[in-house]
Amino acid sequence: MPRFRGLRSDKPPSDCTLDQIVQDELAEYVSKRDFGSTPEPMGEGKKGEGRIFVVQEHHARRLHYDLRLESGGVLKSWAVPKGIPEKPDQKRLAVKTEDHPLEYANFEGTIPEGQYGAGTVKIWDKGSYEPKVWDENMIEFTLNGQKLKGRYALVRLKKAGENSWLMIKERE
């Protein structure tokens, strides 16, 4: 969340850009990785081209799927341990994780042992999405991917903790 910390006398206003805010959103992502050891993208501040989504199959300590939705110049991310629901009214736990750079939407490879998220990452599905509602407690969207199509919702489970969400495949 952007915050006003005061005026700066060392920079003219024209030097202050939205790219600086996006980089702050990736601070947690960058702090968890050694880019000399992992093939994951650093995040070069690539501009978004629209509303993309990607689901990556992640063979880490346990197999899970990572759902990533483009928003605000980054990929908002959730780990879905039991896979993305594909039938109406199916519900799955989705754990919010750190934002990822847009370049991660094309990442496939092996994260080495000893690195955060060690294991193999493969793209399971990708495409575009259309958001319907996006607030702090609920995100409703329509996926248009190669495998996943239709309406979905992410609902925050307030009593289960800040990062616990429920992913639901909605009826059409």
C-alpha atoms as a PDB file:
ATOM      1  CA  MET A   1       0.000   0.000   0.000  1.00  0.00           C
ATOM      2  CA  PRO A   2       1.572   3.331  -1.015  1.00  0.00           C
ATOM      3  CA  ARG A   3       2.141   5.728   1.870  1.00  0.00           C
ATOM      4  CA  PHE A   4       3.057   9.398   1.953  1.00  0.00           C
ATOM      5  CA  ARG A   5       6.272   9.765   3.941  1.00  0.00           C
ATOM      6  CA  GLY A   6       6.906  13.399   3.173  1.00  0.00           C
ATOM      7  CA  LEU A   7       8.333  15.581   0.441  1.00  0.00           C
ATOM      8  CA  ARG A   8      11.856  14.947  -0.825  1.00  0.00           C
ATOM      9  CA  SER A   9      14.208  17.826  -1.495  1.00  0.00           C
ATOM     10  CA  ASP A  10      16.819  15.620  -3.236  1.00  0.00           C
ATOM     11  CA  LYS A  11      14.643  14.692  -6.262  1.00  0.00           C
ATOM     12  CA  PRO A  12      12.449  16.647  -8.636  1.00  0.00           C
ATOM     13  CA  PRO A  13       8.834  15.397  -8.904  1.00  0.00           C
ATOM     14  CA  SER A  14       9.453  14.181 -12.465  1.00  0.00           C
ATOM     15  CA  ASP A  15      11.872  11.538 -11.101  1.00  0.00           C
ATOM     16  CA  CYS A  16       9.133   9.925  -8.988  1.00  0.00           C
ATOM     17  CA  THR A  17       7.333   7.178 -10.932  1.00  0.00           C
ATOM     18  CA  LEU A  18       4.856   4.365 -10.413  1.00  0.00           C
ATOM     19  CA  ASP A  19       7.666   1.870 -11.165  1.00  0.00           C
ATOM     20  CA  GLN A  20       9.113   2.688  -7.738  1.00  0.00           C
ATOM     21  CA  ILE A  21       5.881   1.571  -6.066  1.00  0.00           C
ATOM     22  CA  VAL A  22       5.854  -1.706  -8.031  1.00  0.00           C
ATOM     23  CA  GLN A  23       9.423  -2.420  -6.943  1.00  0.00           C
ATOM     24  CA  ASP A  24       8.354  -1.922  -3.303  1.00  0.00           C
ATOM     25  CA  GLU A  25       5.612  -4.508  -3.875  1.00  0.00           C
ATOM     26  CA  LEU A  26       8.322  -6.991  -4.915  1.00  0.00           C
ATOM     27  CA  ALA A  27      10.529  -6.360  -1.858  1.00  0.00           C
ATOM     28  CA  GLU A  28       9.338  -9.544  -0.086  1.00  0.00           C
ATOM     29  CA  TYR A  29       9.826 -11.595  -3.273  1.00  0.00           C
ATOM     30  CA  VAL A  30      13.374 -10.279  -3.744  1.00  0.00           C
ATOM     31  CA  SER A  31      14.312 -10.736  -0.067  1.00  0.00           C
ATOM     32  CA  LYS A  32      13.490 -14.483  -0.165  1.00  0.00           C
ATOM     33  CA  ARG A  33      15.714 -15.296  -3.175  1.00  0.00           C
ATOM     34  CA  ASP A  34      19.394 -15.500  -4.087  1.00  0.00           C
ATOM     35  CA  PHE A  35      19.355 -14.582  -7.770  1.00  0.00           C
ATOM     36  CA  GLY A  36      22.901 -15.849  -8.163  1.00  0.00           C
ATOM     37  CA  SER A  37      21.584 -19.351  -7.433  1.00  0.00           C
ATOM     38  CA  THR A  38      17.994 -19.457  -8.663  1.00  0.00           C
ATOM     39  CA  PRO A  39      16.843 -19.177 -12.291  1.00  0.00           C
ATOM     40  CA  GLU A  40      13.732 -17.263 -11.224  1.00  0.00           C
ATOM     41  CA  PRO A  41      13.267 -13.807 -12.778  1.00  0.00           C
ATOM     42  CA  MET A  42      14.358 -10.827 -10.683  1.00  0.00           C
ATOM     43  CA  GLY A  43      11.606  -8.542 -11.884  1.00  0.00           C
ATOM     44  CA  GLU A  44      12.856  -5.859 -14.203  1.00  0.00           C
ATOM     45  CA  GLY A  45       9.778  -3.691 -13.807  1.00  0.00           C
ATOM     46  CA  LYS A  46       8.070  -4.942 -16.968  1.00  0.00           C
ATOM     47  CA  LYS A  47       4.851  -3.115 -17.763  1.00  0.00           C
ATOM     48  CA  GLY A  48       1.631  -5.098 -17.746  1.00  0.00           C
ATOM     49  CA  GLU A  49      -0.070  -5.822 -21.031  1.00  0.00           C
ATOM     50  CA  GLY A  50      -3.515  -6.582 -19.684  1.00  0.00           C
ATOM     51  CA  ARG A  51      -5.116  -9.037 -17.306  1.00  0.00           C
ATOM     52  CA  ILE A  52      -3.079 -12.232 -17.476  1.00  0.00           C
ATOM     53  CA  PHE A  53      -3.266 -15.226 -15.198  1.00  0.00           C
ATOM     54  CA  VAL A  54      -1.055 -18.263 -14.858  1.00  0.00           C
ATOM     55  CA  VAL A  55      -1.338 -21.480 -12.858  1.00  0.00           C
ATOM     56  CA  GLN A  56       1.993 -23.161 -12.196  1.00  0.00           C
ATOM     57  CA  GLU A  57       2.388 -26.750 -11.034  1.00  0.00           C
ATOM     58  CA  HIS A  58       5.010 -26.539  -8.293  1.00  0.00           C
ATOM     59  CA  HIS A  59       6.745 -29.716  -7.137  1.00  0.00           C
ATOM     60  CA  ALA A  60       8.261 -28.364  -3.917  1.00  0.00           C
ATOM     61  CA  ARG A  61       8.233 -30.113  -0.525  1.00  0.00           C
ATOM     62  CA  ARG A  62       4.663 -30.969  -1.461  1.00  0.00           C
ATOM     63  CA  LEU A  63       2.988 -30.702  -4.836  1.00  0.00           C
ATOM     64  CA  HIS A  64       0.773 -27.638  -5.059  1.00  0.00           C
ATOM     65  CA  TYR A  65      -0.467 -25.202  -7.681  1.00  0.00           C
ATOM     66  CA  ASP A  66       0.315 -21.487  -7.709  1.00  0.00           C
ATOM     67  CA  LEU A  67      -2.428 -19.178  -8.981  1.00  0.00           C
ATOM     68  CA  ARG A  68      -1.150 -15.788 -10.158  1.00  0.00           C
ATOM     69  CA  LEU A  69      -3.360 -12.878 -11.251  1.00  0.00           C
ATOM     70  CA  GLU A  70      -1.911  -9.721 -12.784  1.00  0.00           C
ATOM     71  CA  SER A  71      -2.855  -6.603 -10.845  1.00  0.00           C
ATOM     72  CA  GLY A  72      -1.059  -3.325 -10.278  1.00  0.00           C
ATOM     73  CA  GLY A  73       2.005  -4.298 -12.321  1.00  0.00           C
ATOM     74  CA  VAL A  74       2.702  -7.520 -10.380  1.00  0.00           C
ATOM     75  CA  LEU A  75       1.319 -11.041 -10.132  1.00  0.00           C
ATOM     76  CA  LYS A  76      -0.796 -11.435  -6.992  1.00  0.00           C
ATOM     77  CA  SER A  77      -0.170 -15.018  -5.874  1.00  0.00           C
ATOM     78  CA  TRP A  78      -1.827 -17.855  -3.968  1.00  0.00           C
ATOM     79  CA  ALA A  79      -0.607 -21.407  -3.308  1.00  0.00           C
ATOM     80  CA  VAL A  80      -3.457 -23.899  -3.779  1.00  0.00           C
ATOM     81  CA  PRO A  81      -2.366 -27.172  -2.117  1.00  0.00           C
ATOM     82  CA  LYS A  82      -5.076 -29.463  -3.541  1.00  0.00           C
ATOM     83  CA  GLY A  83      -5.258 -27.998  -7.030  1.00  0.00           C
ATOM     84  CA  ILE A  84      -7.497 -25.480  -8.742  1.00  0.00           C
ATOM     85  CA  PRO A  85     -11.206 -26.375  -8.469  1.00  0.00           C
ATOM     86  CA  GLU A  86     -12.591 -27.361 -11.865  1.00  0.00           C
ATOM     87  CA  LYS A  87     -16.207 -28.278 -11.046  1.00  0.00           C
ATOM     88  CA  PRO A  88     -18.947 -25.896  -9.884  1.00  0.00           C
ATOM     89  CA  ASP A  89     -19.137 -25.363  -6.138  1.00  0.00           C
ATOM     90  CA  GLN A  90     -15.760 -27.024  -5.498  1.00  0.00           C
ATOM     91  CA  LYS A  91     -13.853 -25.204  -2.759  1.00  0.00           C
ATOM     92  CA  ARG A  92     -10.111 -25.290  -2.094  1.00  0.00           C
ATOM     93  CA  LEU A  93      -7.833 -23.600   0.413  1.00  0.00           C
ATOM     94  CA  ALA A  94      -5.666 -20.913  -1.218  1.00  0.00           C
ATOM     95  CA  VAL A  95      -2.809 -19.406   0.805  1.00  0.00           C
ATOM     96  CA  LYS A  96      -1.785 -15.867  -0.181  1.00  0.00           C
ATOM     97  CA  THR A  97       1.936 -15.591  -0.902  1.00  0.00           C
ATOM     98  CA  GLU A  98       4.207 -12.721  -1.867  1.00  0.00           C
ATOM     99  CA  ASP A  99       3.643 -10.791  -5.094  1.00  0.00           C
ATOM    100  CA  HIS A 100       5.723 -11.999  -8.045  1.00  0.00           C
ATOM    101  CA  PRO A 101       7.069 -10.010 -11.008  1.00  0.00           C
ATOM    102  CA  LEU A 102       5.135 -10.173 -14.275  1.00  0.00           C
ATOM    103  CA  GLU A 103       8.032 -12.089 -15.867  1.00  0.00           C
ATOM    104  CA  TYR A 104       7.188 -15.021 -13.575  1.00  0.00           C
ATOM    105  CA  ALA A 105       4.136 -15.752 -15.757  1.00  0.00           C
ATOM    106  CA  ASN A 106       6.506 -17.389 -18.277  1.00  0.00           C
ATOM    107  CA  PHE A 107       8.819 -19.078 -15.756  1.00  0.00           C
ATOM    108  CA  GLU A 108       9.376 -22.811 -15.918  1.00  0.00           C
ATOM    109  CA  GLY A 109      12.405 -24.476 -14.401  1.00  0.00           C
ATOM    110  CA  THR A 110      13.987 -25.998 -11.331  1.00  0.00           C
ATOM    111  CA  ILE A 111      14.628 -23.934  -8.225  1.00  0.00           C
ATOM    112  CA  PRO A 112      17.756 -25.459  -6.596  1.00  0.00           C
ATOM    113  CA  GLU A 113      17.800 -27.189  -3.209  1.00  0.00           C
ATOM    114  CA  GLY A 114      18.431 -24.746  -0.387  1.00  0.00           C
ATOM    115  CA  GLN A 115      16.541 -21.959  -2.157  1.00  0.00           C
ATOM    116  CA  TYR A 116      13.094 -20.683  -1.207  1.00  0.00           C
ATOM    117  CA  GLY A 117      10.479 -22.797  -3.032  1.00  0.00           C
ATOM    118  CA  ALA A 118      13.022 -25.422  -4.151  1.00  0.00           C
ATOM    119  CA  GLY A 119      11.607 -27.802  -6.742  1.00  0.00           C
ATOM    120  CA  THR A 120      10.291 -27.904 -10.281  1.00  0.00           C
ATOM    121  CA  VAL A 121       7.879 -25.303 -11.633  1.00  0.00           C
ATOM    122  CA  LYS A 122       5.836 -25.936 -14.799  1.00  0.00           C
ATOM    123  CA  ILE A 123       3.117 -23.846 -16.385  1.00  0.00           C
ATOM    124  CA  TRP A 124      -0.126 -25.804 -16.016  1.00  0.00           C
ATOM    125  CA  ASP A 125      -2.427 -23.199 -17.587  1.00  0.00           C
ATOM    126  CA  LYS A 126      -2.390 -19.555 -18.591  1.00  0.00           C
ATOM    127  CA  GLY A 127      -4.554 -17.024 -20.327  1.00  0.00           C
ATOM    128  CA  SER A 128      -6.500 -13.880 -19.554  1.00  0.00           C
ATOM    129  CA  TYR A 129      -8.983 -13.042 -16.842  1.00  0.00           C
ATOM    130  CA  GLU A 130     -11.695 -10.488 -16.282  1.00  0.00           C
ATOM    131  CA  PRO A 131     -12.098  -9.162 -12.731  1.00  0.00           C
ATOM    132  CA  LYS A 132     -15.660  -8.575 -11.504  1.00  0.00           C
ATOM    133  CA  VAL A 133     -14.977  -7.644  -7.865  1.00  0.00           C
ATOM    134  CA  TRP A 134     -11.602  -7.008  -6.233  1.00  0.00           C
ATOM    135  CA  ASP A 135     -11.479  -5.869  -2.632  1.00  0.00           C
ATOM    136  CA  GLU A 136      -9.594  -6.870   0.496  1.00  0.00           C
ATOM    137  CA  ASN A 137     -11.932  -9.761   1.336  1.00  0.00           C
ATOM    138  CA  MET A 138     -13.162 -11.063  -2.018  1.00  0.00           C
ATOM    139  CA  ILE A 139     -11.979 -11.336  -5.593  1.00  0.00           C
ATOM    140  CA  GLU A 140     -14.415 -12.519  -8.276  1.00  0.00           C
ATOM    141  CA  PHE A 141     -13.121 -13.126 -11.780  1.00  0.00           C
ATOM    142  CA  THR A 142     -13.666 -15.041 -15.002  1.00  0.00           C
ATOM    143  CA  LEU A 143     -10.786 -17.129 -16.370  1.00  0.00           C
ATOM    144  CA  ASN A 144     -10.221 -17.676 -20.052  1.00  0.00           C
ATOM    145  CA  GLY A 145      -7.353 -20.148 -20.242  1.00  0.00           C
ATOM    146  CA  GLN A 146      -6.508 -23.251 -22.197  1.00  0.00           C
ATOM    147  CA  LYS A 147      -7.788 -25.558 -19.413  1.00  0.00           C
ATOM    148  CA  LEU A 148      -9.604 -23.261 -17.009  1.00  0.00           C
ATOM    149  CA  LYS A 149     -12.657 -21.326 -18.142  1.00  0.00           C
ATOM    150  CA  GLY A 150     -15.443 -19.767 -16.185  1.00  0.00           C
ATOM    151  CA  ARG A 151     -16.197 -17.870 -13.007  1.00  0.00           C
ATOM    152  CA  TYR A 152     -14.149 -18.166  -9.846  1.00  0.00           C
ATOM    153  CA  ALA A 153     -14.007 -16.443  -6.489  1.00  0.00           C
ATOM    154  CA  LEU A 154     -11.351 -16.032  -3.838  1.00  0.00           C
ATOM    155  CA  VAL A 155     -12.831 -15.321  -0.402  1.00  0.00           C
ATOM    156  CA  ARG A 156     -10.692 -14.379   2.599  1.00  0.00           C
ATOM    157  CA  LEU A 157     -11.174 -16.640   5.625  1.00  0.00           C
ATOM    158  CA  LYS A 158     -10.889 -13.962   8.312  1.00  0.00           C
ATOM    159  CA  LYS A 159     -10.807 -16.309  11.298  1.00  0.00           C
ATOM    160  CA  ALA A 160      -8.165 -18.582   9.731  1.00  0.00           C
ATOM    161  CA  GLY A 161      -5.549 -15.850   9.359  1.00  0.00           C
ATOM    162  CA  GLU A 162      -4.674 -12.987   7.063  1.00  0.00           C
ATOM    163  CA  ASN A 163      -3.321 -15.186   4.257  1.00  0.00           C
ATOM    164  CA  SER A 164      -6.008 -17.899   4.218  1.00  0.00           C
ATOM    165  CA  TRP A 165      -8.467 -17.718   1.355  1.00  0.00           C
ATOM    166  CA  LEU A 166     -11.004 -20.096  -0.149  1.00  0.00           C
ATOM    167  CA  MET A 167     -11.004 -20.579  -3.939  1.00  0.00           C
ATOM    168  CA  ILE A 168     -14.396 -21.482  -5.364  1.00  0.00           C
ATOM    169  CA  LYS A 169     -15.426 -22.520  -8.876  1.00  0.00           C
ATOM    170  CA  GLU A 170     -18.766 -20.772  -9.359  1.00  0.00           C
ATOM    171  CA  ARG A 171     -21.773 -21.942 -11.360  1.00  0.00           C
ATOM    172  CA  GLU A 172     -22.203 -20.246 -14.733  1.00  0.00           C
END
